[in-house]
Amino acid sequence: MKRRIIDFHTHAFPDFLADRAMAQLHSECDIQSYLDGRVSSLLRSMDEAGIEKSVLCNIATRPSQFDSILEWSCRIRSERIIPLPSVHPDAPNLPDKIGLIAEKGFIGVKMHPYYQSMVIDEPRHDLLYKSIIENDLILVLHTGYDIAFPREERANPKQILHVLDRFGELKLITTHMGAWYQWDEVEQHLLGKPIYIETSVSLEYMGAEKMKRMLENHNPDYLLFGTDSPWDDQKKAVISIENLISDETLKRKIFYENAARLLESANF
């Protein structure tokens, strides 16, 4: 039987911007991309990897980008591409912007502490989390360090817990196995708790033994498959999880069932 797969963490840019955006991102970090940053390339990659749907994460690096990101997200969404708009945490009228994202029928927002100058448990972000909860949206949050930035404590496991201690209703998806390159702390503080963890761009950095142990020791209903495409090869990432996990029930949850439940709860 064909495996059903949802990738909960991808990126792309408008065609007119893709070359410039990818060149800038390449200059900031010592890794190469597998795709050119266009939606058409992402769709071809999905076809090759057998992926049904991809959640496409946007990042508003300036408050002024909200409208253009929202408009582009409206244009590209489809049964297969599920965009997450973004709002800069310093944007004026932030609750209204979060409300507009929900009104337009999107399932959630993407935030990135490094590109958006956030420390996630600072009280100044309380309004952001309250607005996301009030509009019943999902928050996909870059967590842990970022390969393109100095290692500052912006979204570490303890800070994640601080946020969730205050906002327990927040539907939070932590990326890169809970917190990129802070996996010892993830094992200590996050594993086993009702916190969504997705798998992107982690295996090659933490090693198979550690990733397998973490996936098998977390709440199986809170695991999601993600690739961070174009920064990883979707087909290769699928094969890696297939080979890493032997339990078929767990694989179905990671690849599809948990993501499908989240999308259904968001009426998508």
C-alpha atoms as a PDB file:
ATOM      1  CA  MET A   1       0.000   0.000   0.000  1.00  0.00           C
ATOM      2  CA  LYS A   2       1.292   3.456  -0.901  1.00  0.00           C
ATOM      3  CA  ARG A   3       2.589   5.465   2.037  1.00  0.00           C
ATOM      4  CA  ARG A   4       0.688   8.702   2.727  1.00  0.00           C
ATOM      5  CA  ILE A   5       2.953  11.616   3.630  1.00  0.00           C
ATOM      6  CA  ILE A   6       2.522  15.238   4.705  1.00  0.00           C
ATOM      7  CA  ASP A   7       5.605  17.459   4.978  1.00  0.00           C
ATOM      8  CA  PHE A   8       4.881  19.990   7.725  1.00  0.00           C
ATOM      9  CA  HIS A   9       7.900  22.239   7.110  1.00  0.00           C
ATOM     10  CA  THR A  10       8.858  23.623   3.689  1.00  0.00           C
ATOM     11  CA  HIS A  11       9.747  26.997   2.185  1.00  0.00           C
ATOM     12  CA  ALA A  12       9.428  28.726  -1.175  1.00  0.00           C
ATOM     13  CA  PHE A  13       9.331  32.253  -2.558  1.00  0.00           C
ATOM     14  CA  PRO A  14       7.511  34.095  -5.345  1.00  0.00           C
ATOM     15  CA  ASP A  15       9.210  33.392  -8.666  1.00  0.00           C
ATOM     16  CA  PHE A  16      10.405  36.982  -9.099  1.00  0.00           C
ATOM     17  CA  LEU A  17      12.104  36.866  -5.696  1.00  0.00           C
ATOM     18  CA  ALA A  18      13.343  33.269  -5.514  1.00  0.00           C
ATOM     19  CA  ASP A  19      16.803  33.689  -7.072  1.00  0.00           C
ATOM     20  CA  ARG A  20      17.641  36.733  -4.972  1.00  0.00           C
ATOM     21  CA  ALA A  21      16.267  35.221  -1.749  1.00  0.00           C
ATOM     22  CA  MET A  22      18.092  31.936  -2.206  1.00  0.00           C
ATOM     23  CA  ALA A  23      21.364  33.705  -3.041  1.00  0.00           C
ATOM     24  CA  GLN A  24      21.053  35.732   0.159  1.00  0.00           C
ATOM     25  CA  LEU A  25      20.300  32.648   2.250  1.00  0.00           C
ATOM     26  CA  HIS A  26      23.211  30.743   0.700  1.00  0.00           C
ATOM     27  CA  SER A  27      25.531  33.603   1.611  1.00  0.00           C
ATOM     28  CA  GLU A  28      24.446  33.405   5.251  1.00  0.00           C
ATOM     29  CA  CYS A  29      25.088  29.718   5.881  1.00  0.00           C
ATOM     30  CA  ASP A  30      27.498  27.073   4.692  1.00  0.00           C
ATOM     31  CA  ILE A  31      24.926  24.697   3.205  1.00  0.00           C
ATOM     32  CA  GLN A  32      23.533  24.248  -0.272  1.00  0.00           C
ATOM     33  CA  SER A  33      19.890  23.891  -1.171  1.00  0.00           C
ATOM     34  CA  TYR A  34      18.311  21.012  -3.076  1.00  0.00           C
ATOM     35  CA  LEU A  35      15.733  23.208  -4.847  1.00  0.00           C
ATOM     36  CA  ASP A  36      15.657  26.707  -6.314  1.00  0.00           C
ATOM     37  CA  GLY A  37      13.063  28.107  -3.905  1.00  0.00           C
ATOM     38  CA  ARG A  38      10.097  28.086  -6.305  1.00  0.00           C
ATOM     39  CA  VAL A  39       6.703  26.491  -5.647  1.00  0.00           C
ATOM     40  CA  SER A  40       6.868  24.669  -8.987  1.00  0.00           C
ATOM     41  CA  SER A  41      10.120  23.004  -7.904  1.00  0.00           C
ATOM     42  CA  LEU A  42       8.621  22.055  -4.555  1.00  0.00           C
ATOM     43  CA  LEU A  43       5.680  20.385  -6.302  1.00  0.00           C
ATOM     44  CA  ARG A  44       8.023  18.377  -8.532  1.00  0.00           C
ATOM     45  CA  SER A  45      10.009  17.332  -5.481  1.00  0.00           C
ATOM     46  CA  MET A  46       6.802  16.264  -3.725  1.00  0.00           C
ATOM     47  CA  ASP A  47       5.853  14.134  -6.717  1.00  0.00           C
ATOM     48  CA  GLU A  48       9.252  12.430  -6.709  1.00  0.00           C
ATOM     49  CA  ALA A  49       9.089  11.793  -2.951  1.00  0.00           C
ATOM     50  CA  GLY A  50       5.459  10.644  -2.873  1.00  0.00           C
ATOM     51  CA  ILE A  51       4.378  13.551  -0.651  1.00  0.00           C
ATOM     52  CA  GLU A  52       0.688  14.510  -0.790  1.00  0.00           C
ATOM     53  CA  LYS A  53       0.793  17.915   0.899  1.00  0.00           C
ATOM     54  CA  SER A  54       3.407  20.384   2.070  1.00  0.00           C
ATOM     55  CA  VAL A  55       2.975  23.096   4.664  1.00  0.00           C
ATOM     56  CA  LEU A  56       4.799  26.132   3.263  1.00  0.00           C
ATOM     57  CA  CYS A  57       6.249  28.377   5.961  1.00  0.00           C
ATOM     58  CA  ASN A  58       6.717  32.102   5.383  1.00  0.00           C
ATOM     59  CA  ILE A  59       8.761  34.442   7.577  1.00  0.00           C
ATOM     60  CA  ALA A  60       8.035  38.166   7.849  1.00  0.00           C
ATOM     61  CA  THR A  61      11.448  39.678   8.527  1.00  0.00           C
ATOM     62  CA  ARG A  62       9.976  43.204   8.629  1.00  0.00           C
ATOM     63  CA  PRO A  63       6.559  44.465   9.805  1.00  0.00           C
ATOM     64  CA  SER A  64       5.891  45.849   6.319  1.00  0.00           C
ATOM     65  CA  GLN A  65       5.970  42.367   4.738  1.00  0.00           C
ATOM     66  CA  PHE A  66       2.674  41.209   6.222  1.00  0.00           C
ATOM     67  CA  ASP A  67       0.405  42.248   3.342  1.00  0.00           C
ATOM     68  CA  SER A  68       2.590  40.882   0.550  1.00  0.00           C
ATOM     69  CA  ILE A  69       3.087  37.546   2.317  1.00  0.00           C
ATOM     70  CA  LEU A  70      -0.625  37.214   2.994  1.00  0.00           C
ATOM     71  CA  GLU A  71      -1.523  38.058  -0.621  1.00  0.00           C
ATOM     72  CA  TRP A  72       1.008  35.565  -2.027  1.00  0.00           C
ATOM     73  CA  SER A  73      -0.177  32.897   0.393  1.00  0.00           C
ATOM     74  CA  CYS A  74      -3.733  33.400  -0.898  1.00  0.00           C
ATOM     75  CA  ARG A  75      -2.538  32.990  -4.495  1.00  0.00           C
ATOM     76  CA  ILE A  76      -0.500  29.809  -4.086  1.00  0.00           C
ATOM     77  CA  ARG A  77      -2.619  27.756  -1.696  1.00  0.00           C
ATOM     78  CA  SER A  78      -4.135  24.576  -3.038  1.00  0.00           C
ATOM     79  CA  GLU A  79      -5.016  21.061  -1.938  1.00  0.00           C
ATOM     80  CA  ARG A  80      -1.302  20.256  -1.970  1.00  0.00           C
ATOM     81  CA  ILE A  81       0.337  23.512  -0.849  1.00  0.00           C
ATOM     82  CA  ILE A  82      -0.775  24.786   2.562  1.00  0.00           C
ATOM     83  CA  PRO A  83       0.827  28.172   3.231  1.00  0.00           C
ATOM     84  CA  LEU A  84       1.403  29.608   6.676  1.00  0.00           C
ATOM     85  CA  PRO A  85       1.529  33.410   6.587  1.00  0.00           C
ATOM     86  CA  SER A  86       3.701  35.263   9.064  1.00  0.00           C
ATOM     87  CA  VAL A  87       3.524  38.451  11.061  1.00  0.00           C
ATOM     88  CA  HIS A  88       6.480  40.321  12.479  1.00  0.00           C
ATOM     89  CA  PRO A  89       6.246  40.510  16.295  1.00  0.00           C
ATOM     90  CA  ASP A  90       6.771  44.292  16.155  1.00  0.00           C
ATOM     91  CA  ALA A  91       3.962  44.852  13.642  1.00  0.00           C
ATOM     92  CA  PRO A  92       1.287  47.385  14.648  1.00  0.00           C
ATOM     93  CA  ASN A  93      -2.232  46.096  15.274  1.00  0.00           C
ATOM     94  CA  LEU A  94      -0.893  42.587  15.708  1.00  0.00           C
ATOM     95  CA  PRO A  95      -4.186  41.023  16.938  1.00  0.00           C
ATOM     96  CA  ASP A  96      -5.965  42.362  13.845  1.00  0.00           C
ATOM     97  CA  LYS A  97      -3.333  40.820  11.595  1.00  0.00           C
ATOM     98  CA  ILE A  98      -3.592  37.451  13.310  1.00  0.00           C
ATOM     99  CA  GLY A  99      -7.367  37.708  13.014  1.00  0.00           C
ATOM    100  CA  LEU A 100      -7.073  38.437   9.289  1.00  0.00           C
ATOM    101  CA  ILE A 101      -4.928  35.333   8.787  1.00  0.00           C
ATOM    102  CA  ALA A 102      -7.679  33.263  10.381  1.00  0.00           C
ATOM    103  CA  GLU A 103     -10.414  35.099   8.459  1.00  0.00           C
ATOM    104  CA  LYS A 104      -8.667  34.238   5.181  1.00  0.00           C
ATOM    105  CA  GLY A 105      -8.877  30.568   6.069  1.00  0.00           C
ATOM    106  CA  PHE A 106      -5.253  29.781   6.922  1.00  0.00           C
ATOM    107  CA  ILE A 107      -4.428  27.150   9.547  1.00  0.00           C
ATOM    108  CA  GLY A 108      -1.683  29.022  11.338  1.00  0.00           C
ATOM    109  CA  VAL A 109       1.411  31.197  11.313  1.00  0.00           C
ATOM    110  CA  LYS A 110       5.159  30.658  11.126  1.00  0.00           C
ATOM    111  CA  MET A 111       7.570  32.560  13.367  1.00  0.00           C
ATOM    112  CA  HIS A 112      11.378  32.498  13.460  1.00  0.00           C
ATOM    113  CA  PRO A 113      13.096  33.960  16.557  1.00  0.00           C
ATOM    114  CA  TYR A 114      16.378  34.739  14.775  1.00  0.00           C
ATOM    115  CA  TYR A 115      15.016  36.354  11.635  1.00  0.00           C
ATOM    116  CA  GLN A 116      12.386  38.213  13.679  1.00  0.00           C
ATOM    117  CA  SER A 117      14.504  39.285  16.687  1.00  0.00           C
ATOM    118  CA  MET A 118      12.435  37.337  19.210  1.00  0.00           C
ATOM    119  CA  VAL A 119      13.253  35.749  22.525  1.00  0.00           C
ATOM    120  CA  ILE A 120      10.170  33.590  22.696  1.00  0.00           C
ATOM    121  CA  ASP A 121       9.390  33.800  26.411  1.00  0.00           C
ATOM    122  CA  GLU A 122       9.686  37.584  26.690  1.00  0.00           C
ATOM    123  CA  PRO A 123       6.411  39.082  28.004  1.00  0.00           C
ATOM    124  CA  ARG A 124       6.229  41.387  24.965  1.00  0.00           C
ATOM    125  CA  HIS A 125       5.158  38.378  22.897  1.00  0.00           C
ATOM    126  CA  ASP A 126       2.200  37.474  25.138  1.00  0.00           C
ATOM    127  CA  LEU A 127      -0.225  39.319  22.852  1.00  0.00           C
ATOM    128  CA  LEU A 128       1.024  37.259  19.891  1.00  0.00           C
ATOM    129  CA  TYR A 129       0.346  33.959  21.651  1.00  0.00           C
ATOM    130  CA  LYS A 130      -3.012  35.124  23.002  1.00  0.00           C
ATOM    131  CA  SER A 131      -4.100  36.199  19.518  1.00  0.00           C
ATOM    132  CA  ILE A 132      -3.042  32.876  17.982  1.00  0.00           C
ATOM    133  CA  ILE A 133      -5.004  30.973  20.635  1.00  0.00           C
ATOM    134  CA  GLU A 134      -8.076  33.202  20.327  1.00  0.00           C
ATOM    135  CA  ASN A 135      -8.152  32.563  16.567  1.00  0.00           C
ATOM    136  CA  ASP A 136      -7.588  28.802  16.996  1.00  0.00           C
ATOM    137  CA  LEU A 137      -4.452  28.851  14.854  1.00  0.00           C
ATOM    138  CA  ILE A 138      -1.376  26.646  14.823  1.00  0.00           C
ATOM    139  CA  LEU A 139       2.061  28.151  15.513  1.00  0.00           C
ATOM    140  CA  VAL A 140       5.024  26.600  13.699  1.00  0.00           C
ATOM    141  CA  LEU A 141       8.043  28.020  15.512  1.00  0.00           C
ATOM    142  CA  HIS A 142      11.710  27.672  14.661  1.00  0.00           C
ATOM    143  CA  THR A 143      13.231  26.287  17.848  1.00  0.00           C
ATOM    144  CA  GLY A 144      16.811  25.792  18.940  1.00  0.00           C
ATOM    145  CA  TYR A 145      19.806  27.428  17.319  1.00  0.00           C
ATOM    146  CA  ASP A 146      20.003  28.404  13.650  1.00  0.00           C
ATOM    147  CA  ILE A 147      22.913  27.508  11.392  1.00  0.00           C
ATOM    148  CA  ALA A 148      23.083  31.051   9.955  1.00  0.00           C
ATOM    149  CA  PHE A 149      23.264  32.908  13.286  1.00  0.00           C
ATOM    150  CA  PRO A 150      25.408  33.079  16.423  1.00  0.00           C
ATOM    151  CA  ARG A 151      24.153  30.690  19.089  1.00  0.00           C
ATOM    152  CA  GLU A 152      21.944  32.862  21.248  1.00  0.00           C
ATOM    153  CA  GLU A 153      19.284  31.546  23.619  1.00  0.00           C
ATOM    154  CA  ARG A 154      16.141  32.589  21.759  1.00  0.00           C
ATOM    155  CA  ALA A 155      14.003  29.427  21.655  1.00  0.00           C
ATOM    156  CA  ASN A 156      15.579  26.750  23.812  1.00  0.00           C
ATOM    157  CA  PRO A 157      13.631  23.922  25.502  1.00  0.00           C
ATOM    158  CA  LYS A 158      13.305  25.733  28.836  1.00  0.00           C
ATOM    159  CA  GLN A 159      12.012  28.844  27.059  1.00  0.00           C
ATOM    160  CA  ILE A 160       9.523  26.669  25.162  1.00  0.00           C
ATOM    161  CA  LEU A 161       8.249  25.355  28.486  1.00  0.00           C
ATOM    162  CA  HIS A 162       8.002  28.901  29.868  1.00  0.00           C
ATOM    163  CA  VAL A 163       5.710  29.814  26.969  1.00  0.00           C
ATOM    164  CA  LEU A 164       3.560  26.708  27.325  1.00  0.00           C
ATOM    165  CA  ASP A 165       3.322  27.082  31.105  1.00  0.00           C
ATOM    166  CA  ARG A 166       1.569  30.403  30.461  1.00  0.00           C
ATOM    167  CA  PHE A 167      -0.234  29.461  27.245  1.00  0.00           C
ATOM    168  CA  GLY A 168      -1.175  25.830  27.603  1.00  0.00           C
ATOM    169  CA  GLU A 169      -3.795  26.039  24.856  1.00  0.00           C
ATOM    170  CA  LEU A 170      -1.226  27.048  22.253  1.00  0.00           C
ATOM    171  CA  LYS A 171      -0.993  24.520  19.408  1.00  0.00           C
ATOM    172  CA  LEU A 172       2.783  24.740  19.097  1.00  0.00           C
ATOM    173  CA  ILE A 173       4.917  22.847  16.610  1.00  0.00           C
ATOM    174  CA  THR A 174       8.611  22.883  17.496  1.00  0.00           C
ATOM    175  CA  THR A 175      10.909  22.387  14.530  1.00  0.00           C
ATOM    176  CA  HIS A 176      14.140  20.439  14.056  1.00  0.00           C
ATOM    177  CA  MET A 177      13.452  17.696  16.626  1.00  0.00           C
ATOM    178  CA  GLY A 178      12.329  20.134  19.303  1.00  0.00           C
ATOM    179  CA  ALA A 179      15.258  22.564  19.249  1.00  0.00           C
ATOM    180  CA  TRP A 180      18.059  22.449  16.696  1.00  0.00           C
ATOM    181  CA  TYR A 181      21.388  21.430  18.201  1.00  0.00           C
ATOM    182  CA  GLN A 182      19.940  21.564  21.721  1.00  0.00           C
ATOM    183  CA  TRP A 183      18.763  17.962  21.695  1.00  0.00           C
ATOM    184  CA  ASP A 184      20.145  16.974  25.096  1.00  0.00           C
ATOM    185  CA  GLU A 185      17.895  19.655  26.592  1.00  0.00           C
ATOM    186  CA  VAL A 186      14.985  18.463  24.442  1.00  0.00           C
ATOM    187  CA  GLU A 187      15.395  14.971  25.896  1.00  0.00           C
ATOM    188  CA  GLN A 188      15.567  16.404  29.389  1.00  0.00           C
ATOM    189  CA  HIS A 189      12.695  18.890  29.224  1.00  0.00           C
ATOM    190  CA  LEU A 190      10.345  18.198  26.297  1.00  0.00           C
ATOM    191  CA  LEU A 191      10.198  14.505  25.476  1.00  0.00           C
ATOM    192  CA  GLY A 192       6.999  12.793  26.549  1.00  0.00           C
ATOM    193  CA  LYS A 193       5.080  16.042  26.906  1.00  0.00           C
ATOM    194  CA  PRO A 194       2.150  17.057  24.644  1.00  0.00           C
ATOM    195  CA  ILE A 195       4.361  19.227  22.446  1.00  0.00           C
ATOM    196  CA  TYR A 196       4.552  18.743  18.683  1.00  0.00           C
ATOM    197  CA  ILE A 197       8.038  17.951  17.382  1.00  0.00           C
ATOM    198  CA  GLU A 198       8.906  17.750  13.671  1.00  0.00           C
ATOM    199  CA  THR A 199      11.874  15.987  12.157  1.00  0.00           C
ATOM    200  CA  SER A 200      13.567  18.374   9.727  1.00  0.00           C
ATOM    201  CA  VAL A 201      17.334  18.822   9.217  1.00  0.00           C
ATOM    202  CA  SER A 202      18.378  16.944  12.333  1.00  0.00           C
ATOM    203  CA  LEU A 203      19.424  13.393  11.522  1.00  0.00           C
ATOM    204  CA  GLU A 204      22.732  14.302   9.908  1.00  0.00           C
ATOM    205  CA  TYR A 205      23.649  16.490  12.896  1.00  0.00           C
ATOM    206  CA  MET A 206      22.523  14.354  15.845  1.00  0.00           C
ATOM    207  CA  GLY A 207      23.092  10.872  14.404  1.00  0.00           C
ATOM    208  CA  ALA A 208      20.732   7.961  13.869  1.00  0.00           C
ATOM    209  CA  GLU A 209      20.941   6.454  17.351  1.00  0.00           C
ATOM    210  CA  LYS A 210      19.940   9.641  19.143  1.00  0.00           C
ATOM    211  CA  MET A 211      17.168  10.540  16.691  1.00  0.00           C
ATOM    212  CA  LYS A 212      15.686   7.055  16.810  1.00  0.00           C
ATOM    213  CA  ARG A 213      15.729   7.131  20.614  1.00  0.00           C
ATOM    214  CA  MET A 214      14.042  10.525  20.714  1.00  0.00           C
ATOM    215  CA  LEU A 215      11.329   9.568  18.244  1.00  0.00           C
ATOM    216  CA  GLU A 216      10.593   6.369  20.121  1.00  0.00           C
ATOM    217  CA  ASN A 217      10.503   8.113  23.517  1.00  0.00           C
ATOM    218  CA  HIS A 218       8.289  11.070  22.632  1.00  0.00           C
ATOM    219  CA  ASN A 219       4.494  11.005  22.730  1.00  0.00           C
ATOM    220  CA  PRO A 220       3.760   9.276  19.379  1.00  0.00           C
ATOM    221  CA  ASP A 221       0.710  11.480  18.759  1.00  0.00           C
ATOM    222  CA  TYR A 222       2.929  14.593  18.740  1.00  0.00           C
ATOM    223  CA  LEU A 223       5.457  13.728  16.038  1.00  0.00           C
ATOM    224  CA  LEU A 224       5.428  15.227  12.535  1.00  0.00           C
ATOM    225  CA  PHE A 225       7.489  14.671   9.410  1.00  0.00           C
ATOM    226  CA  GLY A 226       9.239  17.781   8.102  1.00  0.00           C
ATOM    227  CA  THR A 227      12.096  18.484   5.716  1.00  0.00           C
ATOM    228  CA  ASP A 228      12.731  22.251   5.687  1.00  0.00           C
ATOM    229  CA  SER A 229      12.844  21.930   1.876  1.00  0.00           C
ATOM    230  CA  PRO A 230      14.625  23.384  -0.083  1.00  0.00           C
ATOM    231  CA  TRP A 231      17.351  22.785   2.522  1.00  0.00           C
ATOM    232  CA  ASP A 232      16.891  19.027   2.481  1.00  0.00           C
ATOM    233  CA  ASP A 233      15.968  16.554  -0.235  1.00  0.00           C
ATOM    234  CA  GLN A 234      12.381  15.460   0.431  1.00  0.00           C
ATOM    235  CA  LYS A 235      12.862  12.025  -1.105  1.00  0.00           C
ATOM    236  CA  LYS A 236      16.027  11.403   0.883  1.00  0.00           C
ATOM    237  CA  ALA A 237      14.324  12.577   4.071  1.00  0.00           C
ATOM    238  CA  VAL A 238      11.429  10.157   3.519  1.00  0.00           C
ATOM    239  CA  ILE A 239      13.829   7.262   2.995  1.00  0.00           C
ATOM    240  CA  SER A 240      15.807   8.235   6.106  1.00  0.00           C
ATOM    241  CA  ILE A 241      12.764   8.029   8.376  1.00  0.00           C
ATOM    242  CA  GLU A 242      11.615   4.818   6.667  1.00  0.00           C
ATOM    243  CA  ASN A 243      14.983   3.227   7.448  1.00  0.00           C
ATOM    244  CA  LEU A 244      15.297   4.690  10.927  1.00  0.00           C
ATOM    245  CA  ILE A 245      11.957   3.564  12.371  1.00  0.00           C
ATOM    246  CA  SER A 246      10.821  -0.050  12.215  1.00  0.00           C
ATOM    247  CA  ASP A 247       7.450   0.271  13.959  1.00  0.00           C
ATOM    248  CA  GLU A 248       4.837   0.700  11.228  1.00  0.00           C
ATOM    249  CA  THR A 249       2.277   2.338  13.519  1.00  0.00           C
ATOM    250  CA  LEU A 250       4.791   4.977  14.576  1.00  0.00           C
ATOM    251  CA  LYS A 251       5.784   5.627  10.964  1.00  0.00           C
ATOM    252  CA  ARG A 252       2.156   6.184   9.959  1.00  0.00           C
ATOM    253  CA  LYS A 253       1.755   8.696  12.785  1.00  0.00           C
ATOM    254  CA  ILE A 254       4.947  10.566  11.875  1.00  0.00           C
ATOM    255  CA  PHE A 255       4.407  10.638   8.136  1.00  0.00           C
ATOM    256  CA  TYR A 256       0.685  11.310   7.953  1.00  0.00           C
ATOM    257  CA  GLU A 257      -1.808  10.644  10.732  1.00  0.00           C
ATOM    258  CA  ASN A 258      -0.751  13.339  13.216  1.00  0.00           C
ATOM    259  CA  ALA A 259      -0.472  15.993  10.504  1.00  0.00           C
ATOM    260  CA  ALA A 260      -3.811  14.999   8.999  1.00  0.00           C
ATOM    261  CA  ARG A 261      -5.442  15.319  12.414  1.00  0.00           C
ATOM    262  CA  LEU A 262      -3.989  18.812  12.852  1.00  0.00           C
ATOM    263  CA  LEU A 263      -5.164  19.885   9.411  1.00  0.00           C
ATOM    264  CA  GLU A 264      -8.623  18.426  10.054  1.00  0.00           C
ATOM    265  CA  SER A 265      -8.869  20.282  13.357  1.00  0.00           C
ATOM    266  CA  ALA A 266      -8.072  23.456  11.413  1.00  0.00           C
ATOM    267  CA  ASN A 267     -10.841  22.648   8.911  1.00  0.00           C
ATOM    268  CA  PHE A 268      -8.389  22.414   6.036  1.00  0.00           C
END
